């Protein structure tokens, strides 16, 4: 399934206005027809032409195990040295598809649609010199350009993407297809990108979209792979987002302001982007119900049965302590979660390059106000039947009235 957006969705307006849509009113080119490495560039071009980028939601800049080869959290699609696209050619209406020459010819790409026991449609495909093809799926075979595995979000209260009892928890067997979908990009301006995929109904019959829907990808389109969600960003859309260098500059500006804990008066500092997997002793923490930023302290518990004051933290995801329970803010006496703050490191998920003044609830990922407002209004796919707003950096389901909080820093007292 594709949730379609527009170029305006990720830039000027206050929110991502994405609309649900299905796939598509034309047969997909046959999966497994082969492709070239995504690293290939066009030698005749002074600068490589970028069609766009695919970003896997729920990863804060890289996979937990690290980005390696075709298995990564973000992939840029560039114009290939030679076109490898395919297009429909000859269509056969046959009664005995299993003995059809089109299906038995291994050098001929084709796909068969069974309409009844005595009627099938076979579509033969031929080389398309005007398009580049990129294939996405769980398979690690060479024809797959982007290997995507299930994303396990941290969730909250057993209800997030890592919840148990079948409520969206990651199953032992991947729910992502080996050949999930493919993207066809036109090699000439405006370099239109289209997605091709299909699903199966309860009778295991293939089905495509209704006729008034489009499979054209726009900046902000979301692609649901039933186990992971991809975000499509165009080059023009990415120009409004911060680069890794700019994010590092924003981090340094935050630290240069010398924010202090209003109780302990110790100076706080966001760790470097390379150290985002480890809690630092100067790490800023926040009371989620009020936004007051503190250094870590082990007092203020309101639920004595929640466990000891020791925290059990998971690196990288920036999730809340596992056994802290609710805490009382010493500044305003507000009661709520108390979590460490993490800077959002995936610039492609930002909606602008504004200062990191807000954080998602309850995970504590920090980014711009426009970014938290936009993503908190988008119900992301969860399993096959549910939608829920989630933090794009870790996949945690958003909580609270707005799903985000404005951070209140204490400046230096000197």
Protein backbone atom coordinates (compact mmCIF):
# COMPACT_ATOMS: atom_id res chain seq x y z
CA UNK A 1 0.00 0.00 0.00
CA UNK A 2 1.16 3.53 -0.74
CA UNK A 3 0.21 6.62 1.21
CA UNK A 4 0.64 9.40 -1.28
CA UNK A 5 1.88 12.87 -0.45
CA UNK A 6 2.86 15.98 -2.33
CA UNK A 7 5.91 18.16 -2.61
CA UNK A 8 4.13 20.69 -0.43
CA UNK A 9 3.59 18.09 2.26
CA UNK A 10 7.14 18.14 3.54
CA UNK A 11 8.00 21.81 3.11
CA UNK A 12 5.78 24.89 3.48
CA UNK A 13 2.58 23.69 5.23
CA UNK A 14 2.39 22.87 8.95
CA UNK A 15 1.70 19.16 8.46
CA UNK A 16 2.20 16.23 6.16
CA UNK A 17 -1.05 15.87 4.26
CA UNK A 18 -0.72 12.28 3.11
CA UNK A 19 -3.63 10.41 1.59
CA UNK A 20 -4.15 6.62 1.66
CA UNK A 21 -3.96 4.89 -1.68
CA UNK A 22 -3.52 1.42 -3.10
CA UNK A 23 -1.57 -0.03 -6.00
CA UNK A 24 -2.27 0.46 -9.12
CA UNK A 25 -4.38 0.17 -12.24
CA UNK A 26 -1.77 -1.38 -14.47
CA UNK A 27 0.11 -4.68 -14.20
CA UNK A 28 3.48 -4.58 -12.52
CA UNK A 29 6.60 -5.46 -14.44
CA UNK A 30 7.64 -8.97 -13.42
CA UNK A 31 9.66 -9.10 -10.24
CA UNK A 32 13.02 -10.78 -10.43
CA UNK A 33 13.88 -9.55 -13.90
CA UNK A 34 17.24 -8.27 -12.74
CA UNK A 35 18.76 -4.89 -12.03
CA UNK A 36 22.08 -3.19 -11.65
CA UNK A 37 23.79 -1.94 -8.52
CA UNK A 38 22.37 1.27 -7.09
CA UNK A 39 25.90 2.60 -6.84
CA UNK A 40 26.21 2.84 -10.62
CA UNK A 41 26.38 6.39 -11.93
CA UNK A 42 26.21 7.88 -15.39
CA UNK A 43 29.74 8.58 -16.66
CA UNK A 44 28.46 11.08 -19.22
CA UNK A 45 27.01 13.32 -16.52
CA UNK A 46 29.22 15.75 -14.64
CA UNK A 47 27.06 15.20 -11.58
CA UNK A 48 24.99 12.08 -11.00
CA UNK A 49 21.28 12.57 -11.45
CA UNK A 50 19.41 11.62 -8.29
CA UNK A 51 15.84 10.45 -8.70
CA UNK A 52 15.13 10.50 -4.97
CA UNK A 53 15.83 8.72 -1.70
CA UNK A 54 14.09 6.00 0.25
CA UNK A 55 14.24 6.24 4.05
CA UNK A 56 13.11 3.44 6.38
CA UNK A 57 11.09 4.87 9.26
CA UNK A 58 12.10 3.89 12.78
CA UNK A 59 15.88 4.19 12.40
CA UNK A 60 17.71 7.23 13.69
CA UNK A 61 20.32 7.58 10.96
CA UNK A 62 21.38 3.95 10.55
CA UNK A 63 20.32 0.38 11.26
CA UNK A 64 20.98 -0.90 14.76
CA UNK A 65 23.52 -3.35 13.33
CA UNK A 66 25.01 -0.70 11.05
CA UNK A 67 24.42 0.08 7.38
CA UNK A 68 26.05 -2.54 5.19
CA UNK A 69 25.81 -2.75 1.42
CA UNK A 70 22.20 -3.01 0.25
CA UNK A 71 20.91 -3.43 3.80
CA UNK A 72 20.70 0.08 5.20
CA UNK A 73 18.25 2.64 6.59
CA UNK A 74 18.48 5.01 3.61
CA UNK A 75 19.10 4.53 -0.10
CA UNK A 76 19.58 7.11 -2.85
CA UNK A 77 18.40 6.16 -6.35
CA UNK A 78 20.65 7.49 -9.10
CA UNK A 79 20.41 7.38 -12.89
CA UNK A 80 22.07 4.21 -14.16
CA UNK A 81 24.77 4.06 -16.86
CA UNK A 82 22.37 1.97 -18.95
CA UNK A 83 18.61 1.70 -18.73
CA UNK A 84 17.38 -1.55 -17.16
CA UNK A 85 13.65 -0.87 -17.13
CA UNK A 86 11.01 -3.11 -18.67
CA UNK A 87 7.56 -2.38 -20.11
CA UNK A 88 4.52 -4.43 -21.16
CA UNK A 89 4.73 -5.72 -24.72
CA UNK A 90 2.53 -8.58 -25.95
CA UNK A 91 -0.62 -9.69 -24.11
CA UNK A 92 -1.90 -13.27 -24.50
CA UNK A 93 -5.33 -14.61 -23.54
CA UNK A 94 -4.81 -18.34 -23.05
CA UNK A 95 -6.69 -21.34 -21.69
CA UNK A 96 -3.66 -23.48 -20.81
CA UNK A 97 -1.11 -21.14 -19.21
CA UNK A 98 1.17 -23.88 -17.91
CA UNK A 99 2.13 -24.97 -21.41
CA UNK A 100 2.30 -21.51 -22.86
CA UNK A 101 5.48 -20.71 -24.76
CA UNK A 102 5.64 -17.35 -23.05
CA UNK A 103 5.92 -18.97 -19.66
CA UNK A 104 8.33 -21.71 -20.73
CA UNK A 105 10.75 -19.28 -22.38
CA UNK A 106 13.33 -18.47 -19.69
CA UNK A 107 14.77 -15.57 -21.67
CA UNK A 108 11.37 -13.87 -21.87
CA UNK A 109 10.13 -11.86 -18.89
CA UNK A 110 6.42 -12.46 -18.40
CA UNK A 111 3.74 -12.52 -15.75
CA UNK A 112 0.51 -14.52 -15.64
CA UNK A 113 -2.88 -13.48 -14.25
CA UNK A 114 -5.32 -16.33 -13.66
CA UNK A 115 -8.90 -15.15 -14.16
CA UNK A 116 -10.54 -18.57 -14.00
CA UNK A 117 -9.64 -22.23 -14.41
CA UNK A 118 -9.90 -21.88 -18.15
CA UNK A 119 -8.82 -18.30 -18.70
CA UNK A 120 -5.50 -16.63 -17.97
CA UNK A 121 -3.79 -13.51 -19.21
CA UNK A 122 -0.05 -13.51 -19.87
CA UNK A 123 1.78 -10.24 -20.28
CA UNK A 124 5.18 -10.36 -21.96
CA UNK A 125 7.65 -7.61 -21.12
CA UNK A 126 10.38 -6.07 -23.18
CA UNK A 127 13.32 -3.77 -22.45
CA UNK A 128 12.45 -0.12 -21.86
CA UNK A 129 15.33 2.21 -22.80
CA UNK A 130 13.59 5.16 -21.15
CA UNK A 131 13.37 3.94 -17.54
CA UNK A 132 15.56 2.70 -14.70
CA UNK A 133 14.28 -0.03 -12.41
CA UNK A 134 14.98 -0.45 -8.70
CA UNK A 135 13.68 -3.43 -6.75
CA UNK A 136 12.94 -3.59 -3.04
CA UNK A 137 12.27 -6.56 -0.79
CA UNK A 138 13.43 -8.91 1.93
CA UNK A 139 15.38 -11.13 -0.44
CA UNK A 140 19.16 -10.76 -0.57
CA UNK A 141 19.36 -11.98 -4.17
CA UNK A 142 21.37 -9.84 -6.55
CA UNK A 143 18.35 -8.39 -8.37
CA UNK A 144 17.21 -6.64 -5.17
CA UNK A 145 18.65 -3.13 -4.88
CA UNK A 146 17.36 -2.32 -1.39
CA UNK A 147 17.12 -5.14 1.16
CA UNK A 148 14.54 -4.21 3.81
CA UNK A 149 13.78 -6.19 6.95
CA UNK A 150 11.07 -5.76 9.56
CA UNK A 151 11.28 -2.69 11.75
CA UNK A 152 10.70 -3.38 15.45
CA UNK A 153 9.52 -0.18 17.12
CA UNK A 154 9.90 0.28 20.85
CA UNK A 155 6.25 1.02 21.54
CA UNK A 156 4.76 1.84 24.91
CA UNK A 157 2.84 -0.26 27.36
CA UNK A 158 3.05 -3.30 25.13
CA UNK A 159 1.09 -1.49 22.45
CA UNK A 160 3.86 -0.19 20.23
CA UNK A 161 5.38 -1.89 17.25
CA UNK A 162 7.26 -4.20 19.57
CA UNK A 163 4.21 -5.16 21.61
CA UNK A 164 3.34 -8.72 22.48
CA UNK A 165 0.27 -10.94 22.08
CA UNK A 166 0.00 -10.29 18.38
CA UNK A 167 -0.79 -6.60 18.81
CA UNK A 168 1.69 -5.50 16.19
CA UNK A 169 4.69 -7.29 17.68
CA UNK A 170 7.45 -8.43 15.36
CA UNK A 171 6.77 -12.04 14.42
CA UNK A 172 9.46 -14.66 14.18
CA UNK A 173 8.86 -14.83 10.43
CA UNK A 174 9.21 -11.66 8.40
CA UNK A 175 6.02 -10.19 6.99
CA UNK A 176 7.88 -8.33 4.22
CA UNK A 177 7.74 -10.02 0.82
CA UNK A 178 10.94 -11.29 -0.74
CA UNK A 179 10.09 -9.14 -3.78
CA UNK A 180 7.95 -6.42 -2.21
CA UNK A 181 7.81 -3.70 -4.86
CA UNK A 182 9.75 -1.95 -7.57
CA UNK A 183 10.27 1.67 -8.53
CA UNK A 184 10.54 2.75 -12.16
CA UNK A 185 12.18 6.14 -12.80
CA UNK A 186 12.06 8.00 -16.11
CA UNK A 187 15.56 8.73 -17.35
CA UNK A 188 14.61 12.14 -18.76
CA UNK A 189 13.32 15.23 -16.97
CA UNK A 190 11.24 15.56 -14.86
CA UNK A 191 12.50 12.07 -13.81
CA UNK A 192 9.08 10.86 -12.68
CA UNK A 193 9.18 7.90 -10.29
CA UNK A 194 6.40 5.31 -10.16
CA UNK A 195 5.89 2.40 -7.81
CA UNK A 196 4.63 -1.04 -8.86
CA UNK A 197 3.33 -3.61 -6.42
CA UNK A 198 0.34 -5.81 -5.82
CA UNK A 199 -1.40 -7.60 -2.99
CA UNK A 200 -3.35 -10.81 -2.50
CA UNK A 201 -6.92 -11.06 -1.27
CA UNK A 202 -8.41 -13.66 1.10
CA UNK A 203 -8.65 -16.12 -1.82
CA UNK A 204 -4.97 -15.63 -2.61
CA UNK A 205 -5.79 -13.86 -5.86
CA UNK A 206 -3.66 -10.93 -6.93
CA UNK A 207 -5.32 -7.52 -6.92
CA UNK A 208 -4.27 -4.06 -8.03
CA UNK A 209 -5.61 -0.51 -7.33
CA UNK A 210 -8.94 1.17 -8.42
CA UNK A 211 -8.78 3.17 -11.75
CA UNK A 212 -8.69 6.73 -10.38
CA UNK A 213 -5.53 6.17 -8.34
CA UNK A 214 -2.00 7.03 -9.37
CA UNK A 215 1.21 5.14 -8.73
CA UNK A 216 3.36 8.26 -9.14
CA UNK A 217 5.61 8.91 -6.15
CA UNK A 218 5.66 12.43 -4.74
CA UNK A 219 7.80 14.02 -2.07
CA UNK A 220 6.42 12.69 1.19
CA UNK A 221 4.86 9.49 -0.17
CA UNK A 222 4.85 6.63 2.33
CA UNK A 223 5.25 3.04 1.17
CA UNK A 224 3.88 0.34 3.47
CA UNK A 225 5.72 -2.97 3.07
CA UNK A 226 3.69 -4.66 5.85
CA UNK A 227 6.58 -4.83 8.29
CA UNK A 228 8.42 -1.63 7.44
CA UNK A 229 7.41 1.77 6.10
CA UNK A 230 9.49 3.71 3.58
CA UNK A 231 9.47 7.46 3.03
CA UNK A 232 10.14 8.80 -0.48
CA UNK A 233 11.99 12.11 -0.65
CA UNK A 234 12.72 13.97 -3.86
CA UNK A 235 15.88 16.05 -4.39
CA UNK A 236 13.81 19.26 -4.19
CA UNK A 237 12.22 18.13 -0.93
CA UNK A 238 15.56 17.16 0.59
CA UNK A 239 16.88 20.67 -0.02
CA UNK A 240 14.59 21.85 2.79
CA UNK A 241 16.01 19.34 5.29
CA UNK A 242 19.21 19.58 7.34
CA UNK A 243 22.34 17.71 6.32
CA UNK A 244 24.36 15.70 8.82
CA UNK A 245 26.80 18.61 9.01
CA UNK A 246 23.96 21.02 9.76
CA UNK A 247 22.57 18.70 12.44
CA UNK A 248 25.99 18.62 14.06
CA UNK A 249 26.06 22.43 13.95
CA UNK A 250 22.64 22.56 15.63
CA UNK A 251 23.89 20.18 18.33
CA UNK A 252 26.91 22.37 18.97
CA UNK A 253 24.70 25.46 19.21
CA UNK A 254 22.54 23.72 21.80
CA UNK A 255 25.59 22.80 23.86
CA UNK A 256 27.17 26.25 23.41
CA UNK A 257 24.16 27.75 25.22
CA UNK A 258 25.33 25.76 28.28
CA UNK A 259 21.94 24.46 29.44
CA UNK A 260 21.99 23.53 33.11
CA UNK A 261 20.05 21.28 35.39
CA UNK A 262 17.81 23.61 37.44
CA UNK A 263 18.35 21.45 40.53
CA UNK A 264 21.91 20.17 40.36
CA UNK A 265 23.20 23.19 38.38
CA UNK A 266 25.46 20.91 36.34
CA UNK A 267 25.95 21.77 32.67
CA UNK A 268 24.14 19.48 30.23
CA UNK A 269 25.29 18.47 26.75
CA UNK A 270 23.86 16.44 23.90
CA UNK A 271 26.32 13.67 22.96
CA UNK A 272 27.90 13.63 19.51
CA UNK A 273 25.92 12.08 16.68
CA UNK A 274 28.40 9.21 16.56
CA UNK A 275 27.73 8.43 20.25
CA UNK A 276 23.96 8.36 20.04
CA UNK A 277 23.84 4.71 21.13
CA UNK A 278 25.16 5.36 24.64
CA UNK A 279 23.79 7.38 27.56
CA UNK A 280 26.25 10.11 28.54
CA UNK A 281 26.57 11.41 32.10
CA UNK A 282 25.85 14.93 30.82
CA UNK A 283 22.83 13.77 28.86
CA UNK A 284 19.80 16.06 29.24
CA UNK A 285 16.62 14.43 30.55
CA UNK A 286 13.08 15.77 30.34
CA UNK A 287 9.81 15.49 32.21
CA UNK A 288 7.45 14.64 29.40
CA UNK A 289 4.30 16.21 30.81
CA UNK A 290 5.80 19.67 31.30
CA UNK A 291 8.96 19.85 29.18
CA UNK A 292 11.37 20.89 31.95
CA UNK A 293 14.86 19.68 31.09
CA UNK A 294 17.11 18.34 33.88
CA UNK A 295 20.19 16.26 34.37
CA UNK A 296 19.59 12.68 35.49
CA UNK A 297 18.64 12.13 39.13
CA UNK A 298 17.30 9.06 40.89
CA UNK A 299 14.64 10.64 43.04
CA UNK A 300 11.11 11.91 42.53
CA UNK A 301 9.44 8.53 42.01
CA UNK A 302 5.66 8.49 42.41
CA UNK A 303 5.23 4.75 41.98
CA UNK A 304 7.36 3.00 44.57
CA UNK A 305 6.33 -0.40 43.20
CA UNK A 306 7.66 0.45 39.77
CA UNK A 307 11.05 -0.96 40.76
CA UNK A 308 14.35 0.33 42.02
CA UNK A 309 15.80 3.65 41.01
CA UNK A 310 18.29 2.00 38.70
CA UNK A 311 17.50 2.58 35.06
CA UNK A 312 17.51 0.01 32.30
CA UNK A 313 18.26 1.87 29.08
CA UNK A 314 18.41 0.82 25.48
CA UNK A 315 20.98 2.58 23.37
CA UNK A 316 20.29 4.22 20.06
CA UNK A 317 16.53 4.18 20.25
CA UNK A 318 16.37 6.70 23.07
CA UNK A 319 13.51 4.87 24.77
CA UNK A 320 12.33 5.59 28.28
CA UNK A 321 13.84 3.79 31.28
CA UNK A 322 12.26 0.42 31.78
CA UNK A 323 11.69 0.54 35.55
CA UNK A 324 11.50 4.17 36.61
CA UNK A 325 7.74 4.64 36.65
CA UNK A 326 6.36 8.18 36.77
CA UNK A 327 8.36 11.02 38.27
CA UNK A 328 7.49 14.35 39.84
CA UNK A 329 9.11 17.40 38.26
CA UNK A 330 10.80 19.46 41.00
CA UNK A 331 10.06 22.67 39.07
CA UNK A 332 6.28 22.43 38.58
CA UNK A 333 5.32 19.23 40.44
CA UNK A 334 3.95 17.76 37.23
CA UNK A 335 3.74 13.97 37.18
CA UNK A 336 4.80 11.94 34.16
CA UNK A 337 7.51 10.01 32.33
CA UNK A 338 11.13 11.09 32.77
CA UNK A 339 13.32 10.17 29.78
CA UNK A 340 16.67 11.06 28.21
CA UNK A 341 16.69 13.38 25.19
CA UNK A 342 18.15 12.27 21.85
CA UNK A 343 18.79 14.43 18.84
CA UNK A 344 17.06 13.20 15.68
CA UNK A 345 19.97 12.25 13.42
CA UNK A 346 18.13 11.36 10.19
CA UNK A 347 17.85 14.66 8.35
CA UNK A 348 15.54 13.23 5.69
CA UNK A 349 12.80 12.89 8.32
CA UNK A 350 12.84 16.60 9.14
CA UNK A 351 10.25 18.91 7.61
CA UNK A 352 12.52 21.93 7.83
CA UNK A 353 15.93 22.96 9.14
CA UNK A 354 14.57 24.77 12.18
CA UNK A 355 16.18 24.63 15.63
CA UNK A 356 15.62 21.49 17.74
CA UNK A 357 13.18 22.91 20.28
CA UNK A 358 10.66 20.07 20.66
CA UNK A 359 10.65 16.37 21.50
CA UNK A 360 8.36 13.47 20.63
CA UNK A 361 6.45 11.86 23.50
CA UNK A 362 7.29 9.49 25.04
CA UNK A 363 10.63 8.58 23.38
CA UNK A 364 12.42 11.93 23.72
CA UNK A 365 13.72 12.36 20.17
CA UNK A 366 14.45 16.06 19.62
CA UNK A 367 13.89 17.98 16.37
CA UNK A 368 12.21 21.11 15.06
CA UNK A 369 8.71 22.26 15.98
CA UNK A 370 7.44 21.83 12.44
CA UNK A 371 8.74 18.28 12.32
CA UNK A 372 7.03 17.11 15.51
CA UNK A 373 3.79 18.83 14.51
CA UNK A 374 3.81 17.22 11.09
CA UNK A 375 4.58 13.64 12.08
CA UNK A 376 2.23 13.69 15.08
CA UNK A 377 -0.68 14.15 12.63
CA UNK A 378 0.21 11.18 10.40
CA UNK A 379 -1.30 7.77 11.23
CA UNK A 380 1.44 5.36 10.15
CA UNK A 381 0.68 1.75 9.13
CA UNK A 382 0.83 -0.69 12.02
CA UNK A 383 0.47 -4.32 11.04
CA UNK A 384 -2.15 -4.93 8.36
CA UNK A 385 -5.22 -3.31 9.89
CA UNK A 386 -4.17 -0.48 12.21
CA UNK A 387 -2.72 3.01 11.97
CA UNK A 388 -1.09 5.04 14.71
CA UNK A 389 1.04 8.19 14.89
CA UNK A 390 4.63 7.31 15.75
CA UNK A 391 8.04 8.88 16.13
CA UNK A 392 9.76 8.59 12.72
CA UNK A 393 13.17 8.22 14.37
CA UNK A 394 12.38 5.12 16.45
CA UNK A 395 8.85 3.98 15.65
CA UNK A 396 7.51 4.51 19.19
CA UNK A 397 3.77 5.19 19.31
CA UNK A 398 3.14 8.80 20.29
CA UNK A 399 1.30 9.53 23.52
CA UNK A 400 -0.21 12.55 25.19
CA UNK A 401 -2.63 15.11 23.83
CA UNK A 402 -0.30 16.33 21.07
CA UNK A 403 2.33 13.60 20.82
CA UNK A 404 5.13 16.11 21.43
CA UNK A 405 6.35 18.65 23.98
CA UNK A 406 8.17 21.98 23.87
CA UNK A 407 11.48 21.77 25.74
CA UNK A 408 12.18 24.23 28.58
CA UNK A 409 15.90 24.66 29.16
CA UNK A 410 17.50 26.34 32.17
CA UNK A 411 20.26 28.73 31.11
CA UNK A 412 23.55 29.13 33.00
CA UNK A 413 23.23 30.99 36.30
CA UNK A 414 26.56 32.82 35.89
